[in-house]
Structures are given as structure tokens and as C-alpha cells.
Amino acid sequence: MKVSCPERAILEHVTSRWGVLVLAALLDAESLRFSELRDGIGDVSEKMLTQTLRTLERDGFVRRRARPVIPPHVDYDLTDLGREAAGKVRALAVWTESRVAAVAEAQSAYDAARV
């Protein structure tokens, strides 16, 4: 399969370290506030989370809803497209988790053969 530039950019957004974690977190929740996302993901800077959310929003995966209250209240949730992408990403994450031992074994065999 040849991947064109637009497809590659979308794939990078969805499968980036923070993109995967944002999509997974939102798949498990109806909607989350910024602080809930940050706390749930852990170890992500506010700047990186903001950039990731903006990218996913621009791509049509995430919806940002600002409520006119004081203090400002912003919720994030998945669009239908985002829910579809998140399901695919989650399937890959589940598969990866189930195959960690097999990958570690392959890595050990590779490393031993190179010595």
C-alpha cells in the first residue's frame, strides 16, 4: 500500500504518542475537560496536549465545546469519525499489549544473533 502525503499526515496524527492516548481516553468517556484529559493521560505537558487536541480537532476527530460560564468550561469529545479512528487505534493497542512477550522474544533473538 502506497501512502500519499495527506494519508501519511493523518496517520501520524492518529498514531502519535499523544494522539493515541487522547483518542483512547475520549473513547472511554462521554466528554472530558482539559484537566481531566491531562490527568488521565499523565506525563503530557499542557502545550503538547493543546497541540494534539487542536490537530485532532482540525482533522475532525475531536470536538471542542466551550460553555459560556465563569470560569470558562471547555469539554472535548469524539466525533463519529473520531470514535471510528479511536476504535481502530484501540484494537492495535490491545493487540500490541497481548504480543509484548513475543516481540521481546524476537528482540532478544535478534540481539543475540548480532553479538
PDB file of N, CA and C in Angstrom:
ATOM      1  N   MET A   1       0.845  -1.184   0.000  1.00  0.00           N
ATOM      2  CA  MET A   1       0.000   0.000   0.000  1.00  0.00           C
ATOM      3  C   MET A   1       0.887   1.242   0.000  1.00  0.00           C
ATOM      4  N   LYS A   2       0.706   2.061  -0.992  1.00  0.00           N
ATOM      5  CA  LYS A   2       1.438   3.322  -1.064  1.00  0.00           C
ATOM      6  C   LYS A   2       0.647   4.387  -0.312  1.00  0.00           C
ATOM      7  N   VAL A   3       1.349   5.112   0.556  1.00  0.00           N
ATOM      8  CA  VAL A   3       0.682   6.134   1.361  1.00  0.00           C
ATOM      9  C   VAL A   3       1.043   7.510   0.812  1.00  0.00           C
ATOM     10  N   SER A   4       0.026   8.280   0.455  1.00  0.00           N
ATOM     11  CA  SER A   4       0.262   9.629  -0.056  1.00  0.00           C
ATOM     12  C   SER A   4       0.483  10.592   1.103  1.00  0.00           C
ATOM     13  N   CYS A   5       0.863  11.795   0.791  1.00  0.00           N
ATOM     14  CA  CYS A   5       1.156  12.787   1.836  1.00  0.00           C
ATOM     15  C   CYS A   5      -0.023  13.075   2.768  1.00  0.00           C
ATOM     16  N   PRO A   6      -1.247  13.322   2.267  1.00  0.00           N
ATOM     17  CA  PRO A   6      -2.353  13.583   3.195  1.00  0.00           C
ATOM     18  C   PRO A   6      -2.644  12.386   4.103  1.00  0.00           C
ATOM     19  N   GLU A   7      -2.584  11.189   3.540  1.00  0.00           N
ATOM     20  CA  GLU A   7      -2.835   9.993   4.343  1.00  0.00           C
ATOM     21  C   GLU A   7      -1.761   9.822   5.411  1.00  0.00           C
ATOM     22  N   ARG A   8      -0.533  10.087   5.041  1.00  0.00           N
ATOM     23  CA  ARG A   8       0.581   9.957   5.986  1.00  0.00           C
ATOM     24  C   ARG A   8       0.420  10.929   7.149  1.00  0.00           C
ATOM     25  N   ALA A   9       0.019  12.163   6.854  1.00  0.00           N
ATOM     26  CA  ALA A   9      -0.168  13.158   7.915  1.00  0.00           C
ATOM     27  C   ALA A   9      -1.283  12.731   8.869  1.00  0.00           C
ATOM     28  N   ILE A  10      -2.380  12.249   8.321  1.00  0.00           N
ATOM     29  CA  ILE A  10      -3.485  11.794   9.174  1.00  0.00           C
ATOM     30  C   ILE A  10      -3.040  10.612  10.023  1.00  0.00           C
ATOM     31  N   LEU A  11      -2.341   9.668   9.414  1.00  0.00           N
ATOM     32  CA  LEU A  11      -1.845   8.503  10.141  1.00  0.00           C
ATOM     33  C   LEU A  11      -0.910   8.926  11.271  1.00  0.00           C
ATOM     34  N   GLU A  12      -0.066   9.894  11.006  1.00  0.00           N
ATOM     35  CA  GLU A  12       0.839  10.399  12.043  1.00  0.00           C
ATOM     36  C   GLU A  12       0.060  11.046  13.188  1.00  0.00           C
ATOM     37  N   HIS A  13      -0.990  11.779  12.876  1.00  0.00           N
ATOM     38  CA  HIS A  13      -1.780  12.436  13.922  1.00  0.00           C
ATOM     39  C   HIS A  13      -2.481  11.404  14.805  1.00  0.00           C
ATOM     40  N   VAL A  14      -3.068  10.408  14.182  1.00  0.00           N
ATOM     41  CA  VAL A  14      -3.858   9.409  14.915  1.00  0.00           C
ATOM     42  C   VAL A  14      -2.966   8.463  15.704  1.00  0.00           C
ATOM     43  N   THR A  15      -1.782   8.157  15.168  1.00  0.00           N
ATOM     44  CA  THR A  15      -0.924   7.170  15.835  1.00  0.00           C
ATOM     45  C   THR A  15       0.230   7.791  16.610  1.00  0.00           C
ATOM     46  N   SER A  16       0.255   9.103  16.730  1.00  0.00           N
ATOM     47  CA  SER A  16       1.303   9.728  17.532  1.00  0.00           C
ATOM     48  C   SER A  16       1.125   9.318  18.992  1.00  0.00           C
ATOM     49  N   ARG A  17       2.179   9.453  19.752  1.00  0.00           N
ATOM     50  CA  ARG A  17       2.135   9.068  21.169  1.00  0.00           C
ATOM     51  C   ARG A  17       0.934   9.681  21.890  1.00  0.00           C
ATOM     52  N   TRP A  18       0.774  10.986  21.746  1.00  0.00           N
ATOM     53  CA  TRP A  18      -0.298  11.672  22.468  1.00  0.00           C
ATOM     54  C   TRP A  18      -1.636  11.524  21.762  1.00  0.00           C
ATOM     55  N   GLY A  19      -1.617  11.413  20.443  1.00  0.00           N
ATOM     56  CA  GLY A  19      -2.857  11.219  19.698  1.00  0.00           C
ATOM     57  C   GLY A  19      -3.553   9.930  20.100  1.00  0.00           C
ATOM     58  N   VAL A  20      -2.792   8.855  20.204  1.00  0.00           N
ATOM     59  CA  VAL A  20      -3.343   7.565  20.626  1.00  0.00           C
ATOM     60  C   VAL A  20      -3.954   7.680  22.017  1.00  0.00           C
ATOM     61  N   LEU A  21      -3.236   8.317  22.928  1.00  0.00           N
ATOM     62  CA  LEU A  21      -3.709   8.414  24.313  1.00  0.00           C
ATOM     63  C   LEU A  21      -4.940   9.308  24.440  1.00  0.00           C
ATOM     64  N   VAL A  22      -4.994  10.387  23.677  1.00  0.00           N
ATOM     65  CA  VAL A  22      -6.173  11.265  23.699  1.00  0.00           C
ATOM     66  C   VAL A  22      -7.386  10.520  23.147  1.00  0.00           C
ATOM     67  N   LEU A  23      -7.219   9.868  22.004  1.00  0.00           N
ATOM     68  CA  LEU A  23      -8.333   9.131  21.410  1.00  0.00           C
ATOM     69  C   LEU A  23      -8.832   8.035  22.342  1.00  0.00           C
ATOM     70  N   ALA A  24      -7.914   7.313  22.961  1.00  0.00           N
ATOM     71  CA  ALA A  24      -8.306   6.235  23.884  1.00  0.00           C
ATOM     72  C   ALA A  24      -9.038   6.796  25.095  1.00  0.00           C
ATOM     73  N   ALA A  25      -8.545   7.888  25.646  1.00  0.00           N
ATOM     74  CA  ALA A  25      -9.188   8.488  26.823  1.00  0.00           C
ATOM     75  C   ALA A  25     -10.601   8.961  26.488  1.00  0.00           C
ATOM     76  N   LEU A  26     -10.760   9.576  25.338  1.00  0.00           N
ATOM     77  CA  LEU A  26     -12.079  10.087  24.957  1.00  0.00           C
ATOM     78  C   LEU A  26     -13.028   8.966  24.552  1.00  0.00           C
ATOM     79  N   LEU A  27     -12.502   7.858  24.086  1.00  0.00           N
ATOM     80  CA  LEU A  27     -13.348   6.722  23.726  1.00  0.00           C
ATOM     81  C   LEU A  27     -14.017   6.140  24.967  1.00  0.00           C
ATOM     82  N   ASP A  28     -13.335   6.231  26.104  1.00  0.00           N
ATOM     83  CA  ASP A  28     -13.848   5.683  27.358  1.00  0.00           C
ATOM     84  C   ASP A  28     -14.767   6.640  28.103  1.00  0.00           C
ATOM     85  N   ALA A  29     -14.897   7.869  27.613  1.00  0.00           N
ATOM     86  CA  ALA A  29     -15.690   8.882  28.318  1.00  0.00           C
ATOM     87  C   ALA A  29     -16.647   9.567  27.356  1.00  0.00           C
ATOM     88  N   GLU A  30     -17.733  10.053  27.883  1.00  0.00           N
ATOM     89  CA  GLU A  30     -18.672  10.819  27.056  1.00  0.00           C
ATOM     90  C   GLU A  30     -18.025  12.119  26.601  1.00  0.00           C
ATOM     91  N   SER A  31     -17.399  12.806  27.536  1.00  0.00           N
ATOM     92  CA  SER A  31     -16.614  14.005  27.244  1.00  0.00           C
ATOM     93  C   SER A  31     -15.690  14.240  28.425  1.00  0.00           C
ATOM     94  N   LEU A  32     -14.613  14.961  28.178  1.00  0.00           N
ATOM     95  CA  LEU A  32     -13.651  15.267  29.239  1.00  0.00           C
ATOM     96  C   LEU A  32     -13.213  16.717  29.132  1.00  0.00           C
ATOM     97  N   ARG A  33     -12.926  17.303  30.274  1.00  0.00           N
ATOM     98  CA  ARG A  33     -12.342  18.635  30.308  1.00  0.00           C
ATOM     99  C   ARG A  33     -10.837  18.490  30.095  1.00  0.00           C
ATOM    100  N   PHE A  34     -10.194  19.599  29.766  1.00  0.00           N
ATOM    101  CA  PHE A  34      -8.761  19.593  29.508  1.00  0.00           C
ATOM    102  C   PHE A  34      -7.996  18.991  30.675  1.00  0.00           C
ATOM    103  N   SER A  35      -8.305  19.444  31.877  1.00  0.00           N
ATOM    104  CA  SER A  35      -7.582  18.960  33.056  1.00  0.00           C
ATOM    105  C   SER A  35      -7.813  17.470  33.287  1.00  0.00           C
ATOM    106  N   GLU A  36      -9.020  16.981  32.985  1.00  0.00           N
ATOM    107  CA  GLU A  36      -9.300  15.553  33.120  1.00  0.00           C
ATOM    108  C   GLU A  36      -8.499  14.747  32.105  1.00  0.00           C
ATOM    109  N   LEU A  37      -8.394  15.263  30.897  1.00  0.00           N
ATOM    110  CA  LEU A  37      -7.565  14.598  29.887  1.00  0.00           C
ATOM    111  C   LEU A  37      -6.105  14.573  30.324  1.00  0.00           C
ATOM    112  N   ARG A  38      -5.590  15.720  30.743  1.00  0.00           N
ATOM    113  CA  ARG A  38      -4.194  15.823  31.167  1.00  0.00           C
ATOM    114  C   ARG A  38      -3.903  14.869  32.320  1.00  0.00           C
ATOM    115  N   ASP A  39      -4.792  14.845  33.308  1.00  0.00           N
ATOM    116  CA  ASP A  39      -4.584  13.971  34.463  1.00  0.00           C
ATOM    117  C   ASP A  39      -4.715  12.494  34.091  1.00  0.00           C
ATOM    118  N   GLY A  40      -5.649  12.201  33.197  1.00  0.00           N
ATOM    119  CA  GLY A  40      -5.865  10.815  32.795  1.00  0.00           C
ATOM    120  C   GLY A  40      -4.743  10.262  31.936  1.00  0.00           C
ATOM    121  N   ILE A  41      -4.172  11.108  31.110  1.00  0.00           N
ATOM    122  CA  ILE A  41      -3.079  10.679  30.236  1.00  0.00           C
ATOM    123  C   ILE A  41      -1.775  10.625  31.019  1.00  0.00           C
ATOM    124  N   GLY A  42      -1.536  11.651  31.817  1.00  0.00           N
ATOM    125  CA  GLY A  42      -0.326  11.694  32.623  1.00  0.00           C
ATOM    126  C   GLY A  42       0.919  11.972  31.793  1.00  0.00           C
ATOM    127  N   ASP A  43       1.862  12.678  32.370  1.00  0.00           N
ATOM    128  CA  ASP A  43       3.173  12.926  31.785  1.00  0.00           C
ATOM    129  C   ASP A  43       3.124  13.677  30.445  1.00  0.00           C
ATOM    130  N   VAL A  44       2.061  14.410  30.200  1.00  0.00           N
ATOM    131  CA  VAL A  44       1.978  15.224  28.984  1.00  0.00           C
ATOM    132  C   VAL A  44       1.948  16.692  29.405  1.00  0.00           C
ATOM    133  N   SER A  45       2.722  17.512  28.713  1.00  0.00           N
ATOM    134  CA  SER A  45       2.720  18.936  29.030  1.00  0.00           C
ATOM    135  C   SER A  45       1.432  19.568  28.513  1.00  0.00           C
ATOM    136  N   GLU A  46       1.063  20.680  29.103  1.00  0.00           N
ATOM    137  CA  GLU A  46      -0.135  21.383  28.640  1.00  0.00           C
ATOM    138  C   GLU A  46       0.026  21.815  27.190  1.00  0.00           C
ATOM    139  N   LYS A  47       1.230  22.250  26.832  1.00  0.00           N
ATOM    140  CA  LYS A  47       1.485  22.679  25.458  1.00  0.00           C
ATOM    141  C   LYS A  47       1.285  21.523  24.472  1.00  0.00           C
ATOM    142  N   MET A  48       1.828  20.359  24.795  1.00  0.00           N
ATOM    143  CA  MET A  48       1.722  19.216  23.899  1.00  0.00           C
ATOM    144  C   MET A  48       0.278  18.730  23.797  1.00  0.00           C
ATOM    145  N   LEU A  49      -0.435  18.722  24.917  1.00  0.00           N
ATOM    146  CA  LEU A  49      -1.837  18.304  24.901  1.00  0.00           C
ATOM    147  C   LEU A  49      -2.672  19.285  24.088  1.00  0.00           C
ATOM    148  N   THR A  50      -2.408  20.565  24.246  1.00  0.00           N
ATOM    149  CA  THR A  50      -3.123  21.585  23.467  1.00  0.00           C
ATOM    150  C   THR A  50      -2.877  21.397  21.984  1.00  0.00           C
ATOM    151  N   GLN A  51      -1.628  21.190  21.596  1.00  0.00           N
ATOM    152  CA  GLN A  51      -1.298  20.980  20.183  1.00  0.00           C
ATOM    153  C   GLN A  51      -1.975  19.729  19.637  1.00  0.00           C
ATOM    154  N   THR A  52      -1.958  18.662  20.425  1.00  0.00           N
ATOM    155  CA  THR A  52      -2.569  17.402  19.990  1.00  0.00           C
ATOM    156  C   THR A  52      -4.069  17.567  19.814  1.00  0.00           C
ATOM    157  N   LEU A  53      -4.715  18.208  20.769  1.00  0.00           N
ATOM    158  CA  LEU A  53      -6.159  18.426  20.674  1.00  0.00           C
ATOM    159  C   LEU A  53      -6.514  19.285  19.470  1.00  0.00           C
ATOM    160  N   ARG A  54      -5.741  20.328  19.228  1.00  0.00           N
ATOM    161  CA  ARG A  54      -6.008  21.199  18.068  1.00  0.00           C
ATOM    162  C   ARG A  54      -5.847  20.429  16.752  1.00  0.00           C
ATOM    163  N   THR A  55      -4.824  19.609  16.687  1.00  0.00           N
ATOM    164  CA  THR A  55      -4.598  18.809  15.475  1.00  0.00           C
ATOM    165  C   THR A  55      -5.740  17.833  15.254  1.00  0.00           C
ATOM    166  N   LEU A  56      -6.143  17.129  16.310  1.00  0.00           N
ATOM    167  CA  LEU A  56      -7.233  16.161  16.192  1.00  0.00           C
ATOM    168  C   LEU A  56      -8.566  16.857  15.913  1.00  0.00           C
ATOM    169  N   GLU A  57      -8.727  18.054  16.450  1.00  0.00           N
ATOM    170  CA  GLU A  57      -9.945  18.826  16.169  1.00  0.00           C
ATOM    171  C   GLU A  57      -9.949  19.264  14.702  1.00  0.00           C
ATOM    172  N   ARG A  58      -8.830  19.731  14.221  1.00  0.00           N
ATOM    173  CA  ARG A  58      -8.732  20.170  12.824  1.00  0.00           C
ATOM    174  C   ARG A  58      -9.004  19.016  11.862  1.00  0.00           C
ATOM    175  N   ASP A  59      -8.546  17.829  12.224  1.00  0.00           N
ATOM    176  CA  ASP A  59      -8.751  16.645  11.383  1.00  0.00           C
ATOM    177  C   ASP A  59     -10.176  16.103  11.472  1.00  0.00           C
ATOM    178  N   GLY A  60     -10.966  16.634  12.391  1.00  0.00           N
ATOM    179  CA  GLY A  60     -12.356  16.190  12.515  1.00  0.00           C
ATOM    180  C   GLY A  60     -12.568  15.011  13.448  1.00  0.00           C
ATOM    181  N   PHE A  61     -11.573  14.690  14.281  1.00  0.00           N
ATOM    182  CA  PHE A  61     -11.686  13.563  15.204  1.00  0.00           C
ATOM    183  C   PHE A  61     -12.217  13.984  16.577  1.00  0.00           C
ATOM    184  N   VAL A  62     -11.906  15.202  16.968  1.00  0.00           N
ATOM    185  CA  VAL A  62     -12.272  15.701  18.297  1.00  0.00           C
ATOM    186  C   VAL A  62     -13.113  16.963  18.147  1.00  0.00           C
ATOM    187  N   ARG A  63     -14.096  17.094  19.016  1.00  0.00           N
ATOM    188  CA  ARG A  63     -14.938  18.292  19.041  1.00  0.00           C
ATOM    189  C   ARG A  63     -14.654  19.028  20.351  1.00  0.00           C
ATOM    190  N   ARG A  64     -14.450  20.334  20.233  1.00  0.00           N
ATOM    191  CA  ARG A  64     -14.217  21.203  21.393  1.00  0.00           C
ATOM    192  C   ARG A  64     -15.482  22.000  21.622  1.00  0.00           C
ATOM    193  N   ARG A  65     -16.002  21.927  22.852  1.00  0.00           N
ATOM    194  CA  ARG A  65     -17.225  22.669  23.187  1.00  0.00           C
ATOM    195  C   ARG A  65     -16.962  23.587  24.373  1.00  0.00           C
ATOM    196  N   ALA A  66     -17.027  24.869  24.093  1.00  0.00           N
ATOM    197  CA  ALA A  66     -16.823  25.863  25.144  1.00  0.00           C
ATOM    198  C   ALA A  66     -18.176  26.285  25.685  1.00  0.00           C
ATOM    199  N   ARG A  67     -18.313  26.248  26.995  1.00  0.00           N
ATOM    200  CA  ARG A  67     -19.557  26.692  27.635  1.00  0.00           C
ATOM    201  C   ARG A  67     -19.375  28.119  28.152  1.00  0.00           C
ATOM    202  N   PRO A  68     -20.374  28.953  27.952  1.00  0.00           N
ATOM    203  CA  PRO A  68     -20.264  30.358  28.379  1.00  0.00           C
ATOM    204  C   PRO A  68     -20.538  30.522  29.875  1.00  0.00           C
ATOM    205  N   VAL A  69     -19.620  30.017  30.682  1.00  0.00           N
ATOM    206  CA  VAL A  69     -19.740  30.149  32.133  1.00  0.00           C
ATOM    207  C   VAL A  69     -18.438  30.727  32.665  1.00  0.00           C
ATOM    208  N   ILE A  70     -18.482  31.123  33.918  1.00  0.00           N
ATOM    209  CA  ILE A  70     -17.278  31.653  34.567  1.00  0.00           C
ATOM    210  C   ILE A  70     -16.971  30.761  35.760  1.00  0.00           C
ATOM    211  N   PRO A  71     -15.772  30.202  35.853  1.00  0.00           N
ATOM    212  CA  PRO A  71     -14.687  30.265  34.872  1.00  0.00           C
ATOM    213  C   PRO A  71     -15.046  29.472  33.614  1.00  0.00           C
ATOM    214  N   PRO A  72     -14.330  29.744  32.516  1.00  0.00           N
ATOM    215  CA  PRO A  72     -14.626  29.053  31.262  1.00  0.00           C
ATOM    216  C   PRO A  72     -14.587  27.533  31.425  1.00  0.00           C
ATOM    217  N   HIS A  73     -15.477  26.878  30.775  1.00  0.00           N
ATOM    218  CA  HIS A  73     -15.592  25.420  30.858  1.00  0.00           C
ATOM    219  C   HIS A  73     -15.556  24.874  29.435  1.00  0.00           C
ATOM    220  N   VAL A  74     -14.517  24.095  29.120  1.00  0.00           N
ATOM    221  CA  VAL A  74     -14.358  23.529  27.785  1.00  0.00           C
ATOM    222  C   VAL A  74     -14.346  22.014  27.901  1.00  0.00           C
ATOM    223  N   ASP A  75     -15.190  21.372  27.116  1.00  0.00           N
ATOM    224  CA  ASP A  75     -15.249  19.916  27.058  1.00  0.00           C
ATOM    225  C   ASP A  75     -14.748  19.436  25.712  1.00  0.00           C
ATOM    226  N   TYR A  76     -14.177  18.243  25.707  1.00  0.00           N
ATOM    227  CA  TYR A  76     -13.736  17.598  24.472  1.00  0.00           C
ATOM    228  C   TYR A  76     -14.427  16.247  24.378  1.00  0.00           C
ATOM    229  N   ASP A  77     -14.850  15.912  23.168  1.00  0.00           N
ATOM    230  CA  ASP A  77     -15.406  14.584  22.921  1.00  0.00           C
ATOM    231  C   ASP A  77     -15.067  14.170  21.498  1.00  0.00           C
ATOM    232  N   LEU A  78     -15.352  12.926  21.185  1.00  0.00           N
ATOM    233  CA  LEU A  78     -15.058  12.394  19.861  1.00  0.00           C
ATOM    234  C   LEU A  78     -16.229  12.639  18.914  1.00  0.00           C
ATOM    235  N   THR A  79     -15.903  12.945  17.683  1.00  0.00           N
ATOM    236  CA  THR A  79     -16.900  12.984  16.620  1.00  0.00           C
ATOM    237  C   THR A  79     -17.133  11.529  16.186  1.00  0.00           C
ATOM    238  N   ASP A  80     -18.057  11.314  15.289  1.00  0.00           N
ATOM    239  CA  ASP A  80     -18.260   9.961  14.761  1.00  0.00           C
ATOM    240  C   ASP A  80     -16.983   9.452  14.094  1.00  0.00           C
ATOM    241  N   LEU A  81     -16.333  10.322  13.349  1.00  0.00           N
ATOM    242  CA  LEU A  81     -15.074   9.962  12.701  1.00  0.00           C
ATOM    243  C   LEU A  81     -14.008   9.634  13.745  1.00  0.00           C
ATOM    244  N   GLY A  82     -13.961  10.426  14.804  1.00  0.00           N
ATOM    245  CA  GLY A  82     -13.007  10.196  15.879  1.00  0.00           C
ATOM    246  C   GLY A  82     -13.264   8.895  16.619  1.00  0.00           C
ATOM    247  N   ARG A  83     -14.537   8.583  16.839  1.00  0.00           N
ATOM    248  CA  ARG A  83     -14.895   7.326  17.505  1.00  0.00           C
ATOM    249  C   ARG A  83     -14.447   6.130  16.654  1.00  0.00           C
ATOM    250  N   GLU A  84     -14.628   6.253  15.343  1.00  0.00           N
ATOM    251  CA  GLU A  84     -14.199   5.192  14.430  1.00  0.00           C
ATOM    252  C   GLU A  84     -12.675   5.020  14.490  1.00  0.00           C
ATOM    253  N   ALA A  85     -11.949   6.136  14.405  1.00  0.00           N
ATOM    254  CA  ALA A  85     -10.482   6.084  14.452  1.00  0.00           C
ATOM    255  C   ALA A  85     -10.005   5.547  15.799  1.00  0.00           C
ATOM    256  N   ALA A  86     -10.629   6.000  16.879  1.00  0.00           N
ATOM    257  CA  ALA A  86     -10.234   5.559  18.216  1.00  0.00           C
ATOM    258  C   ALA A  86     -10.436   4.057  18.381  1.00  0.00           C
ATOM    259  N   GLY A  87     -11.503   3.533  17.807  1.00  0.00           N
ATOM    260  CA  GLY A  87     -11.732   2.090  17.869  1.00  0.00           C
ATOM    261  C   GLY A  87     -10.636   1.315  17.169  1.00  0.00           C
ATOM    262  N   LYS A  88     -10.186   1.814  16.034  1.00  0.00           N
ATOM    263  CA  LYS A  88      -9.098   1.168  15.290  1.00  0.00           C
ATOM    264  C   LYS A  88      -7.794   1.248  16.061  1.00  0.00           C
ATOM    265  N   VAL A  89      -7.517   2.405  16.616  1.00  0.00           N
ATOM    266  CA  VAL A  89      -6.290   2.592  17.395  1.00  0.00           C
ATOM    267  C   VAL A  89      -6.309   1.697  18.640  1.00  0.00           C
ATOM    268  N   ARG A  90      -7.469   1.624  19.296  1.00  0.00           N
ATOM    269  CA  ARG A  90      -7.580   0.771  20.475  1.00  0.00           C
ATOM    270  C   ARG A  90      -7.329  -0.693  20.109  1.00  0.00           C
ATOM    271  N   ALA A  91      -7.867  -1.150  18.989  1.00  0.00           N
ATOM    272  CA  ALA A  91      -7.641  -2.536  18.568  1.00  0.00           C
ATOM    273  C   ALA A  91      -6.153  -2.810  18.395  1.00  0.00           C
ATOM    274  N   LEU A  92      -5.428  -1.865  17.810  1.00  0.00           N
ATOM    275  CA  LEU A  92      -3.987  -2.023  17.649  1.00  0.00           C
ATOM    276  C   LEU A  92      -3.295  -2.022  19.013  1.00  0.00           C
ATOM    277  N   ALA A  93      -3.722  -1.153  19.920  1.00  0.00           N
ATOM    278  CA  ALA A  93      -3.127  -1.097  21.256  1.00  0.00           C
ATOM    279  C   ALA A  93      -3.365  -2.395  22.021  1.00  0.00           C
ATOM    280  N   VAL A  94      -4.565  -2.940  21.927  1.00  0.00           N
ATOM    281  CA  VAL A  94      -4.885  -4.208  22.606  1.00  0.00           C
ATOM    282  C   VAL A  94      -4.034  -5.333  22.030  1.00  0.00           C
ATOM    283  N   TRP A  95      -3.934  -5.384  20.710  1.00  0.00           N
ATOM    284  CA  TRP A  95      -3.099  -6.403  20.075  1.00  0.00           C
ATOM    285  C   TRP A  95      -1.649  -6.260  20.527  1.00  0.00           C
ATOM    286  N   THR A  96      -1.139  -5.023  20.543  1.00  0.00           N
ATOM    287  CA  THR A  96       0.241  -4.776  20.952  1.00  0.00           C
ATOM    288  C   THR A  96       0.482  -5.258  22.376  1.00  0.00           C
ATOM    289  N   GLU A  97      -0.445  -4.926  23.248  1.00  0.00           N
ATOM    290  CA  GLU A  97      -0.328  -5.337  24.644  1.00  0.00           C
ATOM    291  C   GLU A  97      -0.284  -6.860  24.773  1.00  0.00           C
ATOM    292  N   SER A  98      -1.064  -7.540  23.958  1.00  0.00           N
ATOM    293  CA  SER A  98      -1.118  -9.001  24.043  1.00  0.00           C
ATOM    294  C   SER A  98       0.112  -9.671  23.435  1.00  0.00           C
ATOM    295  N   ARG A  99       0.882  -8.932  22.651  1.00  0.00           N
ATOM    296  CA  ARG A  99       2.032  -9.522  21.954  1.00  0.00           C
ATOM    297  C   ARG A  99       3.378  -9.014  22.453  1.00  0.00           C
ATOM    298  N   VAL A 100       3.405  -8.342  23.598  1.00  0.00           N
ATOM    299  CA  VAL A 100       4.654  -7.807  24.142  1.00  0.00           C
ATOM    300  C   VAL A 100       5.687  -8.912  24.336  1.00  0.00           C
ATOM    301  N   ALA A 101       5.289 -10.037  24.900  1.00  0.00           N
ATOM    302  CA  ALA A 101       6.231 -11.128  25.155  1.00  0.00           C
ATOM    303  C   ALA A 101       6.830 -11.658  23.851  1.00  0.00           C
ATOM    304  N   ALA A 102       6.011 -11.811  22.821  1.00  0.00           N
ATOM    305  CA  ALA A 102       6.506 -12.309  21.530  1.00  0.00           C
ATOM    306  C   ALA A 102       7.495 -11.325  20.916  1.00  0.00           C
ATOM    307  N   VAL A 103       7.219 -10.035  21.023  1.00  0.00           N
ATOM    308  CA  VAL A 103       8.127  -9.025  20.482  1.00  0.00           C
ATOM    309  C   VAL A 103       9.426  -9.014  21.275  1.00  0.00           C
ATOM    310  N   ALA A 104       9.337  -9.101  22.595  1.00  0.00           N
ATOM    311  CA  ALA A 104      10.543  -9.134  23.430  1.00  0.00           C
ATOM    312  C   ALA A 104      11.402 -10.351  23.089  1.00  0.00           C
ATOM    313  N   GLU A 105      10.765 -11.475  22.844  1.00  0.00           N
ATOM    314  CA  GLU A 105      11.491 -12.692  22.455  1.00  0.00           C
ATOM    315  C   GLU A 105      12.196 -12.484  21.115  1.00  0.00           C
ATOM    316  N   ALA A 106      11.495 -11.899  20.159  1.00  0.00           N
ATOM    317  CA  ALA A 106      12.099 -11.631  18.845  1.00  0.00           C
ATOM    318  C   ALA A 106      13.268 -10.665  18.971  1.00  0.00           C
ATOM    319  N   GLN A 107      13.124  -9.645  19.810  1.00  0.00           N
ATOM    320  CA  GLN A 107      14.200  -8.677  20.015  1.00  0.00           C
ATOM    321  C   GLN A 107      15.430  -9.343  20.628  1.00  0.00           C
ATOM    322  N   SER A 108      15.194 -10.201  21.619  1.00  0.00           N
ATOM    323  CA  SER A 108      16.307 -10.917  22.264  1.00  0.00           C
ATOM    324  C   SER A 108      17.035 -11.810  21.267  1.00  0.00           C
ATOM    325  N   ALA A 109      16.269 -12.528  20.438  1.00  0.00           N
ATOM    326  CA  ALA A 109      16.873 -13.399  19.422  1.00  0.00           C
ATOM    327  C   ALA A 109      17.684 -12.580  18.420  1.00  0.00           C
ATOM    328  N   TYR A 110      17.136 -11.449  18.001  1.00  0.00           N
ATOM    329  CA  TYR A 110      17.831 -10.564  17.068  1.00  0.00           C
ATOM    330  C   TYR A 110      19.127 -10.066  17.683  1.00  0.00           C
ATOM    331  N   ASP A 111      19.035  -9.565  18.926  1.00  0.00           N
ATOM    332  CA  ASP A 111      20.220  -9.021  19.609  1.00  0.00           C
ATOM    333  C   ASP A 111      21.270 -10.096  19.812  1.00  0.00           C
ATOM    334  N   ALA A 112      20.855 -11.312  20.175  1.00  0.00           N
ATOM    335  CA  ALA A 112      21.815 -12.409  20.410  1.00  0.00           C
ATOM    336  C   ALA A 112      22.514 -12.791  19.110  1.00  0.00           C
ATOM    337  N   ALA A 113      21.817 -12.729  18.004  1.00  0.00           N
ATOM    338  CA  ALA A 113      22.411 -13.083  16.718  1.00  0.00           C
ATOM    339  C   ALA A 113      23.403 -12.027  16.235  1.00  0.00           C
ATOM    340  N   ARG A 114      23.306 -10.825  16.738  1.00  0.00           N
ATOM    341  CA  ARG A 114      24.173  -9.728  16.306  1.00  0.00           C
ATOM    342  C   ARG A 114      25.464  -9.629  17.132  1.00  0.00           C
ATOM    343  N   VAL A 115      25.569 -10.419  18.184  1.00  0.00           N
ATOM    344  CA  VAL A 115      26.747 -10.344  19.070  1.00  0.00           C
ATOM    345  C   VAL A 115      27.860 -11.206  18.550  1.00  0.00           C
TER     346      VAL A 115
END
